[in-house]
Amino acid sequence: MKMLPLIQLDALEPLAEALKIPQPLQKLARTAVHRALGSRLPRAYIPLLPLPEPLRAYLLFLDLDLNAVLHAYKSTWEAIRGTSVFV
């Protein structure tokens, strides 16, 4: 197994810090709904549930800023590789 040098592990620190923070009950419930629906495509069935629109949007992860998630993912890998595509 290849070991990462310590300098590369620093890039993973934000992720490790986030894992130390307990998740709110809302996030745990959202995850539980998706697990309960399993392979039945939650994105197809959640819109059919008789739920208020804000709750439906939350269950569909519409509250997430995917650009921020992608940027954090790319930044982490760039830090590990020692490269950057951002100017």
PDB file of N, CA and C in Angstrom:
ATOM      1  N   MET A   1       0.844  -1.177   0.000  1.00  0.00           N
ATOM      2  CA  MET A   1       0.000   0.000   0.000  1.00  0.00           C
ATOM      3  C   MET A   1       0.889   1.240   0.000  1.00  0.00           C
ATOM      4  N   LYS A   2       0.600   2.185  -0.878  1.00  0.00           N
ATOM      5  CA  LYS A   2       1.390   3.410  -0.987  1.00  0.00           C
ATOM      6  C   LYS A   2       0.999   4.380   0.126  1.00  0.00           C
ATOM      7  N   MET A   3       1.988   4.934   0.803  1.00  0.00           N
ATOM      8  CA  MET A   3       1.736   5.891   1.887  1.00  0.00           C
ATOM      9  C   MET A   3       1.901   7.310   1.351  1.00  0.00           C
ATOM     10  N   LEU A   4       1.017   8.216   1.770  1.00  0.00           N
ATOM     11  CA  LEU A   4       1.118   9.614   1.371  1.00  0.00           C
ATOM     12  C   LEU A   4       2.075  10.344   2.300  1.00  0.00           C
ATOM     13  N   PRO A   5       2.939  11.206   1.748  1.00  0.00           N
ATOM     14  CA  PRO A   5       3.790  12.017   2.612  1.00  0.00           C
ATOM     15  C   PRO A   5       2.927  12.931   3.487  1.00  0.00           C
ATOM     16  N   LEU A   6       3.476  13.366   4.627  1.00  0.00           N
ATOM     17  CA  LEU A   6       2.720  14.205   5.562  1.00  0.00           C
ATOM     18  C   LEU A   6       2.195  15.474   4.912  1.00  0.00           C
ATOM     19  N   ILE A   7       2.970  16.070   4.017  1.00  0.00           N
ATOM     20  CA  ILE A   7       2.518  17.316   3.385  1.00  0.00           C
ATOM     21  C   ILE A   7       1.236  17.080   2.587  1.00  0.00           C
ATOM     22  N   GLN A   8       1.088  15.900   1.997  1.00  0.00           N
ATOM     23  CA  GLN A   8      -0.123  15.591   1.241  1.00  0.00           C
ATOM     24  C   GLN A   8      -1.291  15.304   2.170  1.00  0.00           C
ATOM     25  N   LEU A   9      -1.027  14.794   3.343  1.00  0.00           N
ATOM     26  CA  LEU A   9      -2.105  14.515   4.287  1.00  0.00           C
ATOM     27  C   LEU A   9      -2.743  15.792   4.807  1.00  0.00           C
ATOM     28  N   ASP A  10      -2.000  16.902   4.805  1.00  0.00           N
ATOM     29  CA  ASP A  10      -2.569  18.183   5.226  1.00  0.00           C
ATOM     30  C   ASP A  10      -3.767  18.568   4.371  1.00  0.00           C
ATOM     31  N   ALA A  11      -3.769  18.159   3.122  1.00  0.00           N
ATOM     32  CA  ALA A  11      -4.880  18.469   2.225  1.00  0.00           C
ATOM     33  C   ALA A  11      -6.162  17.791   2.676  1.00  0.00           C
ATOM     34  N   LEU A  12      -6.037  16.700   3.414  1.00  0.00           N
ATOM     35  CA  LEU A  12      -7.207  15.963   3.876  1.00  0.00           C
ATOM     36  C   LEU A  12      -7.722  16.454   5.225  1.00  0.00           C
ATOM     37  N   GLU A  13      -7.011  17.399   5.833  1.00  0.00           N
ATOM     38  CA  GLU A  13      -7.394  17.873   7.156  1.00  0.00           C
ATOM     39  C   GLU A  13      -8.801  18.468   7.219  1.00  0.00           C
ATOM     40  N   PRO A  14      -9.230  19.296   6.229  1.00  0.00           N
ATOM     41  CA  PRO A  14     -10.609  19.815   6.299  1.00  0.00           C
ATOM     42  C   PRO A  14     -11.655  18.697   6.350  1.00  0.00           C
ATOM     43  N   LEU A  15     -11.413  17.633   5.609  1.00  0.00           N
ATOM     44  CA  LEU A  15     -12.343  16.499   5.623  1.00  0.00           C
ATOM     45  C   LEU A  15     -12.351  15.839   6.992  1.00  0.00           C
ATOM     46  N   ALA A  16     -11.179  15.638   7.570  1.00  0.00           N
ATOM     47  CA  ALA A  16     -11.085  15.027   8.893  1.00  0.00           C
ATOM     48  C   ALA A  16     -11.776  15.893   9.943  1.00  0.00           C
ATOM     49  N   GLU A  17     -11.620  17.203   9.840  1.00  0.00           N
ATOM     50  CA  GLU A  17     -12.278  18.112  10.783  1.00  0.00           C
ATOM     51  C   GLU A  17     -13.793  18.033  10.640  1.00  0.00           C
ATOM     52  N   ALA A  18     -14.280  17.958   9.419  1.00  0.00           N
ATOM     53  CA  ALA A  18     -15.726  17.879   9.183  1.00  0.00           C
ATOM     54  C   ALA A  18     -16.302  16.592   9.772  1.00  0.00           C
ATOM     55  N   LEU A  19     -15.517  15.524   9.751  1.00  0.00           N
ATOM     56  CA  LEU A  19     -16.002  14.252  10.291  1.00  0.00           C
ATOM     57  C   LEU A  19     -16.099  14.264  11.811  1.00  0.00           C
ATOM     58  N   LYS A  20     -15.404  15.194  12.461  1.00  0.00           N
ATOM     59  CA  LYS A  20     -15.448  15.288  13.914  1.00  0.00           C
ATOM     60  C   LYS A  20     -16.702  15.993  14.408  1.00  0.00           C
ATOM     61  N   ILE A  21     -17.372  16.717  13.529  1.00  0.00           N
ATOM     62  CA  ILE A  21     -18.561  17.476  13.908  1.00  0.00           C
ATOM     63  C   ILE A  21     -19.786  16.565  13.801  1.00  0.00           C
ATOM     64  N   PRO A  22     -20.549  16.417  14.886  1.00  0.00           N
ATOM     65  CA  PRO A  22     -21.755  15.578  14.808  1.00  0.00           C
ATOM     66  C   PRO A  22     -22.733  16.126  13.763  1.00  0.00           C
ATOM     67  N   GLN A  23     -23.340  15.231  13.041  1.00  0.00           N
ATOM     68  CA  GLN A  23     -24.291  15.628  12.016  1.00  0.00           C
ATOM     69  C   GLN A  23     -25.642  15.958  12.645  1.00  0.00           C
ATOM     70  N   PRO A  24     -26.307  17.010  12.157  1.00  0.00           N
ATOM     71  CA  PRO A  24     -27.629  17.341  12.680  1.00  0.00           C
ATOM     72  C   PRO A  24     -28.636  16.225  12.369  1.00  0.00           C
ATOM     73  N   LEU A  25     -29.666  16.176  13.162  1.00  0.00           N
ATOM     74  CA  LEU A  25     -30.707  15.163  12.984  1.00  0.00           C
ATOM     75  C   LEU A  25     -31.303  15.226  11.582  1.00  0.00           C
ATOM     76  N   GLN A  26     -31.422  16.430  11.012  1.00  0.00           N
ATOM     77  CA  GLN A  26     -31.960  16.559   9.651  1.00  0.00           C
ATOM     78  C   GLN A  26     -31.125  15.776   8.644  1.00  0.00           C
ATOM     79  N   LYS A  27     -29.812  15.910   8.722  1.00  0.00           N
ATOM     80  CA  LYS A  27     -28.950  15.212   7.765  1.00  0.00           C
ATOM     81  C   LYS A  27     -29.023  13.706   7.978  1.00  0.00           C
ATOM     82  N   LEU A  28     -29.073  13.293   9.225  1.00  0.00           N
ATOM     83  CA  LEU A  28     -29.178  11.864   9.512  1.00  0.00           C
ATOM     84  C   LEU A  28     -30.500  11.305   8.994  1.00  0.00           C
ATOM     85  N   ALA A  29     -31.571  12.072   9.150  1.00  0.00           N
ATOM     86  CA  ALA A  29     -32.883  11.627   8.670  1.00  0.00           C
ATOM     87  C   ALA A  29     -32.900  11.546   7.145  1.00  0.00           C
ATOM     88  N   ARG A  30     -32.282  12.531   6.490  1.00  0.00           N
ATOM     89  CA  ARG A  30     -32.236  12.523   5.025  1.00  0.00           C
ATOM     90  C   ARG A  30     -31.497  11.274   4.539  1.00  0.00           C
ATOM     91  N   THR A  31     -30.397  10.961   5.182  1.00  0.00           N
ATOM     92  CA  THR A  31     -29.633   9.774   4.818  1.00  0.00           C
ATOM     93  C   THR A  31     -30.442   8.510   5.063  1.00  0.00           C
ATOM     94  N   ALA A  32     -31.192   8.474   6.172  1.00  0.00           N
ATOM     95  CA  ALA A  32     -32.010   7.309   6.494  1.00  0.00           C
ATOM     96  C   ALA A  32     -33.113   7.106   5.449  1.00  0.00           C
ATOM     97  N   VAL A  33     -33.709   8.179   4.968  1.00  0.00           N
ATOM     98  CA  VAL A  33     -34.751   8.071   3.931  1.00  0.00           C
ATOM     99  C   VAL A  33     -34.149   7.467   2.670  1.00  0.00           C
ATOM    100  N   HIS A  34     -32.976   7.958   2.287  1.00  0.00           N
ATOM    101  CA  HIS A  34     -32.339   7.427   1.081  1.00  0.00           C
ATOM    102  C   HIS A  34     -31.962   5.956   1.244  1.00  0.00           C
ATOM    103  N   ARG A  35     -31.488   5.594   2.418  1.00  0.00           N
ATOM    104  CA  ARG A  35     -31.153   4.184   2.660  1.00  0.00           C
ATOM    105  C   ARG A  35     -32.401   3.313   2.623  1.00  0.00           C
ATOM    106  N   ALA A  36     -33.496   3.811   3.194  1.00  0.00           N
ATOM    107  CA  ALA A  36     -34.744   3.037   3.222  1.00  0.00           C
ATOM    108  C   ALA A  36     -35.277   2.807   1.809  1.00  0.00           C
ATOM    109  N   LEU A  37     -35.106   3.792   0.945  1.00  0.00           N
ATOM    110  CA  LEU A  37     -35.562   3.627  -0.432  1.00  0.00           C
ATOM    111  C   LEU A  37     -34.602   2.748  -1.224  1.00  0.00           C
ATOM    112  N   GLY A  38     -33.366   2.653  -0.758  1.00  0.00           N
ATOM    113  CA  GLY A  38     -32.378   1.749  -1.354  1.00  0.00           C
ATOM    114  C   GLY A  38     -32.224   1.903  -2.844  1.00  0.00           C
ATOM    115  N   SER A  39     -32.289   0.792  -3.528  1.00  0.00           N
ATOM    116  CA  SER A  39     -32.059   0.786  -4.971  1.00  0.00           C
ATOM    117  C   SER A  39     -33.296   1.213  -5.764  1.00  0.00           C
ATOM    118  N   ARG A  40     -34.314   1.681  -5.070  1.00  0.00           N
ATOM    119  CA  ARG A  40     -35.545   2.080  -5.759  1.00  0.00           C
ATOM    120  C   ARG A  40     -35.481   3.522  -6.261  1.00  0.00           C
ATOM    121  N   LEU A  41     -34.279   4.033  -6.491  1.00  0.00           N
ATOM    122  CA  LEU A  41     -34.079   5.376  -7.041  1.00  0.00           C
ATOM    123  C   LEU A  41     -34.804   6.452  -6.226  1.00  0.00           C
ATOM    124  N   PRO A  42     -34.217   6.861  -5.101  1.00  0.00           N
ATOM    125  CA  PRO A  42     -34.847   7.886  -4.261  1.00  0.00           C
ATOM    126  C   PRO A  42     -35.243   9.135  -5.033  1.00  0.00           C
ATOM    127  N   ARG A  43     -34.443   9.544  -6.020  1.00  0.00           N
ATOM    128  CA  ARG A  43     -34.763  10.758  -6.778  1.00  0.00           C
ATOM    129  C   ARG A  43     -36.045  10.598  -7.600  1.00  0.00           C
ATOM    130  N   ALA A  44     -36.433   9.376  -7.883  1.00  0.00           N
ATOM    131  CA  ALA A  44     -37.665   9.140  -8.626  1.00  0.00           C
ATOM    132  C   ALA A  44     -38.875   9.081  -7.696  1.00  0.00           C
ATOM    133  N   TYR A  45     -38.667   8.585  -6.472  1.00  0.00           N
ATOM    134  CA  TYR A  45     -39.799   8.376  -5.567  1.00  0.00           C
ATOM    135  C   TYR A  45     -40.060   9.535  -4.610  1.00  0.00           C
ATOM    136  N   ILE A  46     -39.051  10.261  -4.218  1.00  0.00           N
ATOM    137  CA  ILE A  46     -39.249  11.363  -3.272  1.00  0.00           C
ATOM    138  C   ILE A  46     -40.236  12.398  -3.804  1.00  0.00           C
ATOM    139  N   PRO A  47     -40.165  12.784  -5.089  1.00  0.00           N
ATOM    140  CA  PRO A  47     -41.156  13.750  -5.590  1.00  0.00           C
ATOM    141  C   PRO A  47     -42.600  13.257  -5.497  1.00  0.00           C
ATOM    142  N   LEU A  48     -42.787  11.949  -5.416  1.00  0.00           N
ATOM    143  CA  LEU A  48     -44.139  11.385  -5.344  1.00  0.00           C
ATOM    144  C   LEU A  48     -44.701  11.395  -3.919  1.00  0.00           C
ATOM    145  N   LEU A  49     -43.836  11.595  -2.924  1.00  0.00           N
ATOM    146  CA  LEU A  49     -44.290  11.587  -1.529  1.00  0.00           C
ATOM    147  C   LEU A  49     -45.085  12.847  -1.220  1.00  0.00           C
ATOM    148  N   PRO A  50     -46.146  12.726  -0.394  1.00  0.00           N
ATOM    149  CA  PRO A  50     -46.948  13.903  -0.044  1.00  0.00           C
ATOM    150  C   PRO A  50     -46.228  14.743   1.023  1.00  0.00           C
ATOM    151  N   LEU A  51     -45.239  15.518   0.589  1.00  0.00           N
ATOM    152  CA  LEU A  51     -44.421  16.315   1.498  1.00  0.00           C
ATOM    153  C   LEU A  51     -44.454  17.776   1.095  1.00  0.00           C
ATOM    154  N   PRO A  52     -44.255  18.669   2.064  1.00  0.00           N
ATOM    155  CA  PRO A  52     -44.120  20.087   1.708  1.00  0.00           C
ATOM    156  C   PRO A  52     -42.893  20.272   0.807  1.00  0.00           C
ATOM    157  N   GLU A  53     -42.959  21.231  -0.072  1.00  0.00           N
ATOM    158  CA  GLU A  53     -41.881  21.445  -1.041  1.00  0.00           C
ATOM    159  C   GLU A  53     -40.505  21.652  -0.390  1.00  0.00           C
ATOM    160  N   PRO A  54     -40.383  22.441   0.694  1.00  0.00           N
ATOM    161  CA  PRO A  54     -39.049  22.597   1.299  1.00  0.00           C
ATOM    162  C   PRO A  54     -38.455  21.270   1.779  1.00  0.00           C
ATOM    163  N   LEU A  55     -39.282  20.394   2.324  1.00  0.00           N
ATOM    164  CA  LEU A  55     -38.803  19.098   2.787  1.00  0.00           C
ATOM    165  C   LEU A  55     -38.418  18.214   1.605  1.00  0.00           C
ATOM    166  N   ARG A  56     -39.227  18.248   0.569  1.00  0.00           N
ATOM    167  CA  ARG A  56     -38.926  17.473  -0.636  1.00  0.00           C
ATOM    168  C   ARG A  56     -37.584  17.937  -1.229  1.00  0.00           C
ATOM    169  N   ALA A  57     -37.381  19.242  -1.300  1.00  0.00           N
ATOM    170  CA  ALA A  57     -36.123  19.791  -1.827  1.00  0.00           C
ATOM    171  C   ALA A  57     -34.942  19.353  -0.968  1.00  0.00           C
ATOM    172  N   TYR A  58     -35.132  19.359   0.348  1.00  0.00           N
ATOM    173  CA  TYR A  58     -34.065  18.944   1.255  1.00  0.00           C
ATOM    174  C   TYR A  58     -33.710  17.477   1.048  1.00  0.00           C
ATOM    175  N   LEU A  59     -34.724  16.631   0.920  1.00  0.00           N
ATOM    176  CA  LEU A  59     -34.484  15.198   0.715  1.00  0.00           C
ATOM    177  C   LEU A  59     -33.797  14.920  -0.625  1.00  0.00           C
ATOM    178  N   LEU A  60     -33.989  15.815  -1.578  1.00  0.00           N
ATOM    179  CA  LEU A  60     -33.361  15.658  -2.887  1.00  0.00           C
ATOM    180  C   LEU A  60     -31.994  16.337  -2.959  1.00  0.00           C
ATOM    181  N   PHE A  61     -31.493  16.821  -1.807  1.00  0.00           N
ATOM    182  CA  PHE A  61     -30.185  17.460  -1.701  1.00  0.00           C
ATOM    183  C   PHE A  61     -30.095  18.732  -2.542  1.00  0.00           C
ATOM    184  N   LEU A  62     -31.223  19.392  -2.775  1.00  0.00           N
ATOM    185  CA  LEU A  62     -31.201  20.620  -3.556  1.00  0.00           C
ATOM    186  C   LEU A  62     -30.607  21.793  -2.783  1.00  0.00           C
ATOM    187  N   ASP A  63     -30.362  21.589  -1.480  1.00  0.00           N
ATOM    188  CA  ASP A  63     -29.772  22.640  -0.653  1.00  0.00           C
ATOM    189  C   ASP A  63     -28.245  22.671  -0.761  1.00  0.00           C
ATOM    190  N   LEU A  64     -27.655  21.671  -1.401  1.00  0.00           N
ATOM    191  CA  LEU A  64     -26.202  21.598  -1.502  1.00  0.00           C
ATOM    192  C   LEU A  64     -25.684  22.443  -2.651  1.00  0.00           C
ATOM    193  N   ASP A  65     -24.574  23.117  -2.407  1.00  0.00           N
ATOM    194  CA  ASP A  65     -23.896  23.874  -3.442  1.00  0.00           C
ATOM    195  C   ASP A  65     -22.876  22.939  -4.090  1.00  0.00           C
ATOM    196  N   LEU A  66     -23.263  22.326  -5.191  1.00  0.00           N
ATOM    197  CA  LEU A  66     -22.400  21.341  -5.828  1.00  0.00           C
ATOM    198  C   LEU A  66     -21.109  21.950  -6.353  1.00  0.00           C
ATOM    199  N   ASN A  67     -21.148  23.221  -6.747  1.00  0.00           N
ATOM    200  CA  ASN A  67     -19.912  23.860  -7.202  1.00  0.00           C
ATOM    201  C   ASN A  67     -18.895  23.925  -6.071  1.00  0.00           C
ATOM    202  N   ALA A  68     -19.344  24.223  -4.861  1.00  0.00           N
ATOM    203  CA  ALA A  68     -18.435  24.276  -3.710  1.00  0.00           C
ATOM    204  C   ALA A  68     -17.888  22.888  -3.397  1.00  0.00           C
ATOM    205  N   VAL A  69     -18.728  21.874  -3.502  1.00  0.00           N
ATOM    206  CA  VAL A  69     -18.291  20.501  -3.249  1.00  0.00           C
ATOM    207  C   VAL A  69     -17.243  20.087  -4.278  1.00  0.00           C
ATOM    208  N   LEU A  70     -17.505  20.360  -5.550  1.00  0.00           N
ATOM    209  CA  LEU A  70     -16.547  20.013  -6.605  1.00  0.00           C
ATOM    210  C   LEU A  70     -15.237  20.768  -6.450  1.00  0.00           C
ATOM    211  N   HIS A  71     -15.315  22.049  -6.092  1.00  0.00           N
ATOM    212  CA  HIS A  71     -14.108  22.847  -5.895  1.00  0.00           C
ATOM    213  C   HIS A  71     -13.276  22.273  -4.751  1.00  0.00           C
ATOM    214  N   ALA A  72     -13.915  21.908  -3.646  1.00  0.00           N
ATOM    215  CA  ALA A  72     -13.191  21.331  -2.507  1.00  0.00           C
ATOM    216  C   ALA A  72     -12.547  20.009  -2.898  1.00  0.00           C
ATOM    217  N   TYR A  73     -13.258  19.199  -3.673  1.00  0.00           N
ATOM    218  CA  TYR A  73     -12.729  17.903  -4.121  1.00  0.00           C
ATOM    219  C   TYR A  73     -11.497  18.115  -4.998  1.00  0.00           C
ATOM    220  N   LYS A  74     -11.615  19.021  -5.985  1.00  0.00           N
ATOM    221  CA  LYS A  74     -10.487  19.288  -6.881  1.00  0.00           C
ATOM    222  C   LYS A  74      -9.306  19.870  -6.113  1.00  0.00           C
ATOM    223  N   SER A  75      -9.585  20.782  -5.202  1.00  0.00           N
ATOM    224  CA  SER A  75      -8.509  21.398  -4.419  1.00  0.00           C
ATOM    225  C   SER A  75      -7.762  20.365  -3.595  1.00  0.00           C
ATOM    226  N   THR A  76      -8.497  19.434  -3.015  1.00  0.00           N
ATOM    227  CA  THR A  76      -7.862  18.386  -2.219  1.00  0.00           C
ATOM    228  C   THR A  76      -6.931  17.548  -3.081  1.00  0.00           C
ATOM    229  N   TRP A  77      -7.409  17.112  -4.245  1.00  0.00           N
ATOM    230  CA  TRP A  77      -6.565  16.279  -5.107  1.00  0.00           C
ATOM    231  C   TRP A  77      -5.390  17.056  -5.665  1.00  0.00           C
ATOM    232  N   GLU A  78      -5.591  18.327  -5.962  1.00  0.00           N
ATOM    233  CA  GLU A  78      -4.476  19.146  -6.438  1.00  0.00           C
ATOM    234  C   GLU A  78      -3.416  19.294  -5.351  1.00  0.00           C
ATOM    235  N   ALA A  79      -3.853  19.452  -4.114  1.00  0.00           N
ATOM    236  CA  ALA A  79      -2.896  19.569  -3.014  1.00  0.00           C
ATOM    237  C   ALA A  79      -2.134  18.264  -2.832  1.00  0.00           C
ATOM    238  N   ILE A  80      -2.814  17.146  -3.010  1.00  0.00           N
ATOM    239  CA  ILE A  80      -2.158  15.845  -2.885  1.00  0.00           C
ATOM    240  C   ILE A  80      -1.137  15.652  -4.009  1.00  0.00           C
ATOM    241  N   ARG A  81      -1.523  16.049  -5.206  1.00  0.00           N
ATOM    242  CA  ARG A  81      -0.625  15.880  -6.361  1.00  0.00           C
ATOM    243  C   ARG A  81       0.426  16.983  -6.454  1.00  0.00           C
ATOM    244  N   GLY A  82       0.194  18.102  -5.770  1.00  0.00           N
ATOM    245  CA  GLY A  82       1.130  19.206  -5.845  1.00  0.00           C
ATOM    246  C   GLY A  82       0.971  20.039  -7.099  1.00  0.00           C
ATOM    247  N   THR A  83      -0.239  20.009  -7.668  1.00  0.00           N
ATOM    248  CA  THR A  83      -0.515  20.791  -8.878  1.00  0.00           C
ATOM    249  C   THR A  83      -1.724  21.652  -8.632  1.00  0.00           C
ATOM    250  N   SER A  84      -1.945  22.593  -9.534  1.00  0.00           N
ATOM    251  CA  SER A  84      -3.125  23.441  -9.434  1.00  0.00           C
ATOM    252  C   SER A  84      -3.585  23.831 -10.825  1.00  0.00           C
ATOM    253  N   VAL A  85      -4.896  23.725 -11.062  1.00  0.00           N
ATOM    254  CA  VAL A  85      -5.468  24.191 -12.333  1.00  0.00           C
ATOM    255  C   VAL A  85      -6.193  25.507 -12.110  1.00  0.00           C
ATOM    256  N   PHE A  86      -6.284  25.958 -10.871  1.00  0.00           N
ATOM    257  CA  PHE A  86      -6.945  27.227 -10.592  1.00  0.00           C
ATOM    258  C   PHE A  86      -5.946  28.352 -10.696  1.00  0.00           C
ATOM    259  N   VAL A  87      -6.366  29.451 -11.273  1.00  0.00           N
ATOM    260  CA  VAL A  87      -5.490  30.613 -11.431  1.00  0.00           C
ATOM    261  C   VAL A  87      -5.944  31.705 -10.503  1.00  0.00           C
TER     262      VAL A  87
END
